[in-house]
Amino acid sequence: MARNRPLKSDVGRIIGTGSTLMVAAYLLDSIINAEVTGGDVRRQILSPGSREIAVRLAFLSVLLLFIAYISHLMLKRRQLEKALVKYQAGMDASMDGIFILDSRRECAYLNESQARLHGYDDLAEVLGASWRLFYGADETAKFEEKVFPVVLAQGEWRGEAVGRRKDGTTFPQEISVTAVDRSSIVCIVRDITAHKRFERELERKAEELAAANRELEAFGYSLTHDMRNYLTRTSSAAYMLRDNYLPVALDEKGRFLINVICDANEDMDKLIKDMMVLSRIVRSEISRETVDLSQMVREIASVLKLTGPERRAEFDIAPDLAAAGDPRLIKVALDNLLGNAWKYTGMTPEARIEFGSVIRDGKRAFFVRDNGAGFDMKDADKLFTPFQRLRNAHDFPGTGIGLATVRRIVQRHGGEVWGEGEPGKGATFFFTLPE
């Protein structure tokens, strides 16, 4: 209620002044009429004629309209003042610095946050000063040559700048510059020192991680290379012993043990090769192009059929399926998925392997489905973990690297991969790729 008193007081003064003017004008008109007509002044005041009454009523109407108009203007002014107070309170409470430049690009307004950002304790130090007070020579030149022309042409500009404090130190800032009209510009400033510090720390951590990965890759390459050298030596010795000395030097148990050594060496050699493939996939660059998945699957299926011509296996391949990705890496993934389907249907009399696509959660997902051994969904979390093999995997050869390789490839393309299955009823592996 207290905020409305000034408005009521102003209106009261207007009405009082208007009433006084009305009375004065009425008396003056009565005196003039009496002088002109030679009549009595008192009669003119108390008993005017019809003409005088009409003239005075017209004058009174004009005066009342004037008073109403002035009252309306006063009301609008008070409303605008209230709105301005609210807006200014909001700007004063903002954590971001806000300042407004006039036509001479001097600070017509700034909030306390803006003053504090630049090291000023008293707003009076900055009010009326040039905007150049907040920036060094290089930044002021950039604003004059690049920022202000864009603001005047397009109405706004957003970017980063280097602010200058009262003591001469500098700090990075985000700034939004908006032209209200040709004569005023609003600037909103945010200190991004902490953000820049975080970015630098993130870059440093990324560099350290990249260096650690390079060292790990070099170590992994050296380790696998050395392991293959030792493996080659033991394999060669075991093969020579089996092929040249077994018939005369060893009994049946000895020959069995030598075969175990040879088989283990072959499995180890395959595991090392798979590990090297996985390592290369992690660090290799990805090229993106449209890949005809259906054609690629047909080629892989033809090769698989050659490895087991005696098997009764049917491939059902959906036509015209394509995706964007690296052809070399996608072929490795499909080789592993189809190879697993071929392997785990090895004991199925009528094997069926299907390649197609479905829509899941609004995205196209490709799948490889088989009617082979399947798996228990309780073991689904192990599917894509390196060296983790499922409970029924002892009946099928493998290293436990294939699905881990598939996951790395799909993830590097920005996709997802998951599996669904049921023991004895087959498995389905889904993956998404950019279209």
Protein backbone atom coordinates (compact mmCIF):
# COMPACT_ATOMS: atom_id res chain seq x y z
CA MET A 1 0.00 0.00 0.00
CA ALA A 2 2.83 2.40 0.78
CA ARG A 3 4.07 2.15 -2.82
CA ASN A 4 0.71 3.51 -4.10
CA ARG A 5 0.79 6.68 -1.96
CA PRO A 6 3.04 8.70 -4.30
CA LEU A 7 0.70 7.93 -7.20
CA LYS A 8 -2.40 8.96 -5.21
CA SER A 9 -0.65 12.12 -4.05
CA ASP A 10 0.25 13.07 -7.62
CA VAL A 11 -3.34 12.54 -8.83
CA GLY A 12 -4.68 14.53 -5.89
CA ARG A 13 -2.39 17.43 -6.70
CA ILE A 14 -3.49 17.34 -10.34
CA ILE A 15 -7.19 17.39 -9.36
CA GLY A 16 -6.62 20.16 -6.81
CA THR A 17 -4.69 22.29 -9.26
CA GLY A 18 -7.30 21.65 -11.96
CA SER A 19 -10.15 22.61 -9.60
CA THR A 20 -8.37 25.82 -8.63
CA LEU A 21 -7.85 26.68 -12.27
CA MET A 22 -11.51 25.93 -12.99
CA VAL A 23 -12.68 28.28 -10.20
CA ALA A 24 -10.22 31.00 -11.23
CA ALA A 25 -11.25 30.71 -14.87
CA TYR A 26 -14.94 30.84 -13.89
CA LEU A 27 -14.46 34.00 -11.81
CA LEU A 28 -12.31 35.63 -14.49
CA ASP A 29 -14.87 34.87 -17.18
CA SER A 30 -17.67 36.30 -15.01
CA ILE A 31 -15.73 39.52 -14.40
CA ILE A 32 -14.92 39.94 -18.10
CA ASN A 33 -18.57 39.35 -19.10
CA ALA A 34 -19.75 41.87 -16.52
CA GLU A 35 -17.31 44.48 -17.81
CA VAL A 36 -18.27 43.86 -21.44
CA THR A 37 -22.04 43.84 -20.91
CA GLY A 38 -22.07 46.41 -18.14
CA GLY A 39 -23.82 43.95 -15.85
CA ASP A 40 -23.35 43.13 -12.25
CA VAL A 41 -20.36 40.88 -11.42
CA ARG A 42 -22.20 39.18 -8.59
CA ARG A 43 -25.08 38.28 -10.92
CA GLN A 44 -22.66 36.93 -13.51
CA ILE A 45 -21.13 34.68 -10.88
CA LEU A 46 -24.32 33.49 -9.19
CA SER A 47 -26.88 33.69 -12.02
CA PRO A 48 -25.13 33.44 -15.36
CA GLY A 49 -27.07 33.34 -18.61
CA SER A 50 -27.44 30.35 -20.87
CA ARG A 51 -24.58 31.46 -23.14
CA GLU A 52 -22.22 31.86 -20.24
CA ILE A 53 -23.25 28.48 -18.87
CA ALA A 54 -22.59 26.76 -22.25
CA VAL A 55 -19.18 28.39 -22.64
CA ARG A 56 -18.15 27.56 -19.10
CA LEU A 57 -19.35 23.95 -19.43
CA ALA A 58 -17.29 23.56 -22.61
CA PHE A 59 -14.26 24.97 -20.86
CA LEU A 60 -14.88 22.69 -17.89
CA SER A 61 -15.08 19.62 -20.18
CA VAL A 62 -11.79 20.47 -21.84
CA LEU A 63 -10.17 20.98 -18.48
CA LEU A 64 -11.52 17.67 -17.16
CA LEU A 65 -10.20 15.84 -20.25
CA PHE A 66 -6.82 17.44 -19.71
CA ILE A 67 -6.81 16.34 -16.06
CA ALA A 68 -7.78 12.77 -17.08
CA TYR A 69 -5.02 12.67 -19.69
CA ILE A 70 -2.39 13.90 -17.25
CA SER A 71 -3.61 11.36 -14.66
CA HIS A 72 -3.28 8.55 -17.24
CA LEU A 73 0.26 9.61 -18.06
CA MET A 74 1.16 9.69 -14.38
CA LEU A 75 -0.29 6.20 -13.92
CA LYS A 76 1.72 4.82 -16.85
CA ARG A 77 4.84 6.48 -15.54
CA ARG A 78 4.41 4.87 -12.14
CA GLN A 79 3.82 1.46 -13.72
CA LEU A 80 6.94 1.80 -15.83
CA GLU A 81 8.91 2.89 -12.78
CA LYS A 82 7.74 -0.20 -10.88
CA ALA A 83 8.70 -2.49 -13.77
CA LEU A 84 12.08 -0.78 -14.06
CA VAL A 85 12.70 -1.28 -10.35
CA LYS A 86 11.94 -5.01 -10.70
CA TYR A 87 14.15 -5.42 -13.75
CA GLN A 88 16.97 -3.51 -12.12
CA ALA A 89 16.62 -5.62 -8.95
CA GLY A 90 16.90 -8.75 -11.10
CA MET A 91 19.99 -7.45 -12.88
CA ASP A 92 21.56 -6.36 -9.60
CA ALA A 93 20.99 -9.84 -8.14
CA SER A 94 22.47 -11.62 -11.20
CA MET A 95 25.72 -13.52 -10.72
CA ASP A 96 26.69 -12.50 -14.25
CA GLY A 97 28.06 -9.07 -14.91
CA ILE A 98 25.66 -6.79 -16.79
CA PHE A 99 26.38 -3.34 -18.18
CA ILE A 100 24.59 -1.07 -20.63
CA LEU A 101 26.38 1.30 -22.99
CA ASP A 102 24.82 4.51 -24.28
CA SER A 103 25.30 6.08 -27.71
CA ARG A 104 28.81 7.23 -26.73
CA ARG A 105 29.58 3.68 -25.50
CA GLU A 106 29.89 4.79 -21.95
CA CYS A 107 28.47 2.84 -19.00
CA ALA A 108 24.96 4.11 -18.44
CA TYR A 109 24.32 1.22 -16.06
CA LEU A 110 26.17 -1.73 -14.52
CA ASN A 111 25.37 -4.16 -11.74
CA GLU A 112 27.53 -4.99 -8.75
CA SER A 113 28.61 -8.32 -10.26
CA GLN A 114 30.11 -6.52 -13.25
CA ALA A 115 31.99 -4.13 -10.97
CA ARG A 116 33.31 -7.01 -8.83
CA LEU A 117 34.38 -9.04 -11.87
CA HIS A 118 36.69 -6.22 -12.87
CA GLY A 119 37.88 -5.40 -9.36
CA TYR A 120 35.87 -2.23 -8.63
CA ASP A 121 34.26 -1.80 -5.20
CA ASP A 122 32.34 1.38 -5.98
CA LEU A 123 29.94 1.64 -8.91
CA ALA A 124 30.65 5.36 -9.08
CA GLU A 125 34.17 4.54 -10.33
CA VAL A 126 32.72 2.98 -13.46
CA LEU A 127 29.39 4.72 -14.17
CA GLY A 128 29.83 7.12 -17.05
CA ALA A 129 33.24 5.64 -17.95
CA SER A 130 34.13 4.16 -21.34
CA TRP A 131 33.72 0.41 -21.90
CA ARG A 132 37.46 0.32 -22.67
CA LEU A 133 38.00 0.39 -18.93
CA PHE A 134 37.13 -3.34 -18.87
CA TYR A 135 39.55 -4.51 -21.60
CA GLY A 136 43.14 -4.23 -22.77
CA ALA A 137 44.34 -2.75 -26.05
CA ASP A 138 44.13 -6.00 -28.03
CA GLU A 139 40.56 -6.74 -26.90
CA THR A 140 39.34 -3.18 -27.50
CA ALA A 141 40.74 -3.36 -31.04
CA LYS A 142 38.94 -6.68 -31.57
CA PHE A 143 35.66 -5.22 -30.33
CA GLU A 144 35.96 -2.12 -32.49
CA GLU A 145 36.96 -4.02 -35.65
CA LYS A 146 34.93 -7.22 -35.36
CA VAL A 147 32.37 -7.29 -32.56
CA PHE A 148 30.56 -3.95 -32.72
CA PRO A 149 30.13 -4.05 -36.53
CA VAL A 150 28.48 -7.48 -36.19
CA VAL A 151 26.26 -6.26 -33.34
CA LEU A 152 25.09 -3.25 -35.34
CA ALA A 153 24.49 -5.37 -38.45
CA GLN A 154 22.96 -8.51 -36.90
CA GLY A 155 21.77 -7.30 -33.50
CA GLU A 156 23.92 -9.57 -31.32
CA TRP A 157 27.27 -11.29 -30.86
CA ARG A 158 28.36 -14.06 -28.50
CA GLY A 159 31.86 -15.29 -27.87
CA GLU A 160 34.86 -15.23 -25.58
CA ALA A 161 37.06 -12.32 -24.58
CA VAL A 162 39.82 -11.47 -22.11
CA GLY A 163 38.67 -9.02 -19.43
CA ARG A 164 40.95 -6.66 -17.52
CA ARG A 165 40.65 -5.93 -13.82
CA LYS A 166 41.37 -2.68 -12.03
CA ASP A 167 44.77 -3.98 -10.90
CA GLY A 168 45.74 -4.89 -14.50
CA THR A 169 45.29 -8.67 -14.22
CA THR A 170 43.23 -10.44 -16.85
CA PHE A 171 40.66 -13.25 -16.87
CA PRO A 172 38.79 -15.21 -19.56
CA GLN A 173 35.12 -14.48 -20.00
CA GLU A 174 32.07 -15.36 -22.06
CA ILE A 175 30.26 -12.28 -23.26
CA SER A 176 26.94 -11.66 -24.99
CA VAL A 177 26.56 -8.29 -26.71
CA THR A 178 23.06 -7.23 -27.85
CA ALA A 179 21.98 -4.01 -29.52
CA VAL A 180 18.75 -2.71 -27.99
CA ASP A 181 18.61 0.08 -30.58
CA ARG A 182 21.13 2.25 -32.41
CA SER A 183 21.88 4.16 -29.21
CA SER A 184 22.33 1.47 -26.52
CA ILE A 185 24.04 -1.90 -26.17
CA VAL A 186 23.52 -4.50 -23.42
CA CYS A 187 26.50 -6.68 -22.44
CA ILE A 188 26.31 -9.79 -20.23
CA VAL A 189 29.62 -11.15 -18.93
CA ARG A 190 30.50 -14.45 -17.21
CA ASP A 191 33.87 -15.32 -15.69
CA ILE A 192 35.00 -18.69 -17.14
CA THR A 193 38.32 -18.97 -15.29
CA ALA A 194 37.27 -22.20 -13.55
CA HIS A 195 35.92 -23.62 -16.81
CA LYS A 196 39.19 -22.91 -18.63
CA ARG A 197 41.17 -24.42 -15.77
CA PHE A 198 39.03 -27.56 -16.00
CA GLU A 199 39.57 -27.70 -19.78
CA ARG A 200 43.34 -27.48 -19.34
CA GLU A 201 43.26 -30.20 -16.69
CA LEU A 202 41.13 -32.37 -18.97
CA GLU A 203 43.57 -31.87 -21.86
CA ARG A 204 46.49 -32.76 -19.59
CA LYS A 205 44.73 -35.93 -18.42
CA ALA A 206 43.92 -36.83 -22.02
CA GLU A 207 47.57 -36.41 -23.01
CA GLU A 208 48.67 -38.57 -20.08
CA LEU A 209 46.12 -41.23 -20.99
CA ALA A 210 47.20 -41.19 -24.64
CA ALA A 211 50.84 -41.58 -23.58
CA ALA A 212 49.93 -44.46 -21.25
CA ASN A 213 47.94 -46.14 -24.04
CA ARG A 214 50.90 -45.82 -26.42
CA GLU A 215 53.17 -47.41 -23.84
CA LEU A 216 50.64 -50.17 -23.22
CA GLU A 217 50.26 -50.83 -26.94
CA ALA A 218 54.02 -50.99 -27.38
CA PHE A 219 54.28 -53.36 -24.43
CA GLY A 220 51.43 -55.51 -25.75
CA TYR A 221 53.01 -55.70 -29.20
CA SER A 222 56.40 -56.61 -27.76
CA LEU A 223 54.84 -59.20 -25.46
CA THR A 224 52.78 -60.90 -28.17
CA HIS A 225 55.74 -60.81 -30.57
CA ASP A 226 58.03 -62.45 -28.01
CA MET A 227 55.35 -64.98 -27.05
CA ARG A 228 54.91 -65.99 -30.67
CA ASN A 229 58.68 -66.45 -31.02
CA TYR A 230 58.78 -68.80 -28.03
CA LEU A 231 55.62 -70.49 -29.21
CA THR A 232 57.09 -71.08 -32.67
CA ARG A 233 60.13 -72.74 -31.13
CA THR A 234 58.11 -75.07 -28.89
CA SER A 235 55.65 -75.85 -31.69
CA SER A 236 58.42 -76.67 -34.15
CA ALA A 237 60.10 -78.96 -31.65
CA ALA A 238 56.80 -80.71 -30.84
CA TYR A 239 55.91 -81.20 -34.52
CA MET A 240 59.39 -82.58 -35.31
CA LEU A 241 59.13 -84.94 -32.35
CA ARG A 242 55.67 -86.11 -33.42
CA ASP A 243 56.44 -86.52 -37.11
CA ASN A 244 60.00 -87.95 -36.91
CA TYR A 245 60.30 -89.88 -33.64
CA LEU A 246 56.84 -90.91 -32.45
CA PRO A 247 56.51 -94.23 -34.27
CA VAL A 248 59.64 -95.73 -32.67
CA ALA A 249 60.41 -93.71 -29.53
CA LEU A 250 57.06 -93.21 -27.80
CA ASP A 251 54.19 -95.40 -26.76
CA GLU A 252 50.52 -94.48 -27.15
CA LYS A 253 50.47 -92.32 -23.99
CA GLY A 254 53.55 -90.39 -25.15
CA ARG A 255 52.00 -89.79 -28.56
CA PHE A 256 48.84 -88.51 -26.83
CA LEU A 257 50.84 -86.04 -24.74
CA ILE A 258 52.72 -84.77 -27.80
CA ASN A 259 49.38 -84.19 -29.57
CA VAL A 260 48.12 -82.28 -26.52
CA ILE A 261 51.18 -80.02 -26.75
CA CYS A 262 50.66 -79.43 -30.48
CA ASP A 263 46.95 -78.66 -30.02
CA ALA A 264 47.68 -76.29 -27.12
CA ASN A 265 50.28 -74.48 -29.20
CA GLU A 266 47.77 -74.05 -32.02
CA ASP A 267 45.16 -72.68 -29.59
CA MET A 268 47.71 -70.31 -28.07
CA ASP A 269 48.76 -69.10 -31.51
CA LYS A 270 45.13 -68.38 -32.40
CA LEU A 271 44.60 -66.56 -29.11
CA ILE A 272 47.63 -64.34 -29.71
CA LYS A 273 46.43 -63.55 -33.23
CA ASP A 274 42.98 -62.63 -31.86
CA MET A 275 44.56 -60.40 -29.23
CA MET A 276 46.60 -58.64 -31.88
CA VAL A 277 43.48 -58.10 -34.00
CA LEU A 278 41.67 -56.63 -30.97
CA SER A 279 44.62 -54.35 -30.23
CA ARG A 280 44.74 -53.08 -33.82
CA ILE A 281 41.00 -52.38 -33.77
CA VAL A 282 41.31 -50.23 -30.65
CA ARG A 283 43.96 -47.93 -32.12
CA SER A 284 43.10 -47.95 -35.82
CA GLU A 285 41.47 -45.00 -37.56
CA ILE A 286 37.90 -45.39 -38.79
CA SER A 287 36.89 -44.49 -42.33
CA ARG A 288 33.18 -44.08 -42.97
CA GLU A 289 31.40 -45.06 -46.15
CA THR A 290 28.23 -46.87 -47.14
CA VAL A 291 28.67 -50.62 -46.63
CA ASP A 292 26.45 -53.21 -48.34
CA LEU A 293 25.94 -55.50 -45.36
CA SER A 294 23.81 -58.02 -47.24
CA GLN A 295 26.50 -58.58 -49.87
CA MET A 296 29.19 -58.80 -47.20
CA VAL A 297 27.21 -61.46 -45.30
CA ARG A 298 26.65 -63.47 -48.52
CA GLU A 299 30.42 -63.54 -49.13
CA ILE A 300 31.17 -64.65 -45.56
CA ALA A 301 28.47 -67.34 -45.74
CA SER A 302 30.01 -68.73 -48.96
CA VAL A 303 33.37 -69.11 -47.24
CA LEU A 304 31.82 -70.79 -44.20
CA LYS A 305 30.02 -73.32 -46.39
CA LEU A 306 33.33 -74.29 -47.97
CA THR A 307 34.72 -75.13 -44.51
CA GLY A 308 31.93 -77.66 -43.92
CA PRO A 309 30.48 -78.88 -47.22
CA GLU A 310 28.98 -81.94 -45.53
CA ARG A 311 26.82 -79.82 -43.22
CA ARG A 312 23.12 -79.19 -43.83
CA ALA A 313 22.96 -75.47 -43.12
CA GLU A 314 20.71 -72.75 -44.57
CA PHE A 315 21.53 -69.04 -44.67
CA ASP A 316 18.61 -66.60 -44.84
CA ILE A 317 20.02 -63.17 -45.74
CA ALA A 318 17.75 -60.12 -46.02
CA PRO A 319 18.51 -58.09 -49.19
CA ASP A 320 19.56 -54.44 -49.51
CA LEU A 321 20.70 -53.85 -45.94
CA ALA A 322 23.34 -51.13 -45.68
CA ALA A 323 24.97 -48.92 -43.06
CA ALA A 324 27.71 -46.30 -42.75
CA GLY A 325 31.03 -47.45 -41.37
CA ASP A 326 34.50 -48.79 -41.94
CA PRO A 327 34.20 -51.77 -44.35
CA ARG A 328 37.29 -53.49 -42.98
CA LEU A 329 36.18 -53.33 -39.33
CA ILE A 330 32.55 -54.19 -40.07
CA LYS A 331 33.73 -57.28 -41.96
CA VAL A 332 35.72 -58.36 -38.89
CA ALA A 333 32.60 -57.97 -36.74
CA LEU A 334 30.38 -59.91 -39.15
CA ASP A 335 33.07 -62.60 -39.53
CA ASN A 336 32.95 -63.12 -35.77
CA LEU A 337 29.15 -63.08 -35.47
CA LEU A 338 28.56 -65.41 -38.41
CA GLY A 339 31.51 -67.58 -37.41
CA ASN A 340 29.99 -68.01 -33.95
CA ALA A 341 26.61 -68.87 -35.45
CA TRP A 342 28.28 -71.43 -37.73
CA LYS A 343 30.27 -72.88 -34.83
CA TYR A 344 27.39 -73.13 -32.33
CA THR A 345 25.09 -74.78 -34.88
CA GLY A 346 27.70 -77.46 -35.55
CA MET A 347 25.70 -80.07 -33.63
CA THR A 348 22.32 -79.00 -35.06
CA PRO A 349 21.07 -81.42 -37.78
CA GLU A 350 19.21 -78.71 -39.72
CA ALA A 351 21.16 -75.51 -39.06
CA ARG A 352 19.61 -72.17 -39.91
CA ILE A 353 21.47 -68.83 -39.77
CA GLU A 354 19.59 -65.62 -40.46
CA PHE A 355 20.76 -62.06 -41.08
CA GLY A 356 18.21 -59.22 -41.05
CA SER A 357 17.10 -56.05 -39.29
CA VAL A 358 14.37 -54.83 -36.93
CA ILE A 359 13.37 -51.48 -35.42
CA ARG A 360 14.19 -51.21 -31.72
CA ASP A 361 13.46 -47.99 -29.78
CA GLY A 362 13.14 -46.08 -33.02
CA LYS A 363 16.53 -47.27 -34.35
CA ARG A 364 17.37 -49.91 -36.94
CA ALA A 365 19.13 -52.87 -35.37
CA PHE A 366 20.79 -55.58 -37.48
CA PHE A 367 20.88 -59.13 -36.17
CA VAL A 368 22.48 -62.53 -36.68
CA ARG A 369 20.21 -65.33 -35.49
CA ASP A 370 20.85 -69.08 -35.29
CA ASN A 371 19.12 -72.19 -34.00
CA GLY A 372 22.18 -73.62 -32.34
CA ALA A 373 23.28 -74.26 -28.76
CA GLY A 374 22.10 -70.90 -27.42
CA PHE A 375 23.02 -69.61 -23.97
CA ASP A 376 21.50 -68.84 -20.59
CA MET A 377 20.58 -65.16 -20.21
CA LYS A 378 22.08 -65.28 -16.70
CA ASP A 379 25.45 -65.43 -18.46
CA ALA A 380 24.67 -62.50 -20.81
CA ASP A 381 27.02 -60.16 -18.94
CA LYS A 382 29.95 -62.41 -19.85
CA LEU A 383 29.27 -62.48 -23.58
CA PHE A 384 31.38 -59.50 -24.59
CA THR A 385 34.10 -59.74 -21.93
CA PRO A 386 37.53 -60.86 -23.23
CA PHE A 387 38.51 -64.44 -22.30
CA GLN A 388 35.09 -65.13 -20.73
CA ARG A 389 33.46 -68.21 -22.20
CA LEU A 390 30.00 -69.59 -21.42
CA ARG A 391 29.26 -72.82 -19.61
CA ASN A 392 28.54 -74.82 -22.77
CA ALA A 393 31.58 -73.40 -24.60
CA HIS A 394 33.81 -76.38 -23.74
CA ASP A 395 32.03 -78.29 -26.49
CA PHE A 396 33.10 -75.70 -29.08
CA PRO A 397 36.57 -74.38 -29.90
CA GLY A 398 37.35 -70.68 -29.33
CA THR A 399 39.39 -68.09 -27.42
CA GLY A 400 36.73 -65.81 -25.92
CA ILE A 401 37.95 -62.80 -27.91
CA GLY A 402 35.50 -62.76 -30.83
CA LEU A 403 32.50 -61.06 -29.22
CA ALA A 404 34.75 -58.63 -27.34
CA THR A 405 36.13 -57.64 -30.75
CA VAL A 406 32.60 -57.18 -32.08
CA ARG A 407 31.70 -54.89 -29.19
CA ARG A 408 34.81 -52.71 -29.66
CA ILE A 409 34.08 -52.32 -33.36
CA VAL A 410 30.41 -51.45 -32.86
CA GLN A 411 31.17 -49.00 -30.04
CA ARG A 412 33.83 -47.26 -32.11
CA HIS A 413 31.14 -46.68 -34.73
CA GLY A 414 28.84 -45.17 -32.11
CA GLY A 415 26.51 -48.17 -31.97
CA GLU A 416 25.38 -50.76 -29.45
CA VAL A 417 25.51 -54.56 -29.38
CA TRP A 418 23.63 -57.08 -27.24
CA GLY A 419 22.61 -60.72 -27.28
CA GLU A 420 19.52 -62.77 -26.53
CA GLY A 421 19.35 -66.54 -26.24
CA GLU A 422 17.96 -69.67 -24.67
CA PRO A 423 19.81 -72.93 -24.04
CA GLY A 424 19.18 -75.41 -26.86
CA LYS A 425 17.05 -72.93 -28.85
CA GLY A 426 19.65 -70.69 -30.42
CA ALA A 427 20.90 -67.15 -30.00
CA THR A 428 20.39 -63.75 -31.61
CA PHE A 429 22.97 -60.98 -31.59
CA PHE A 430 21.82 -57.43 -32.36
CA PHE A 431 23.95 -54.41 -33.24
CA THR A 432 23.27 -50.86 -34.39
CA LEU A 433 25.29 -48.78 -36.85
CA PRO A 434 24.81 -45.29 -38.32
CA GLU A 435 22.55 -45.40 -41.37
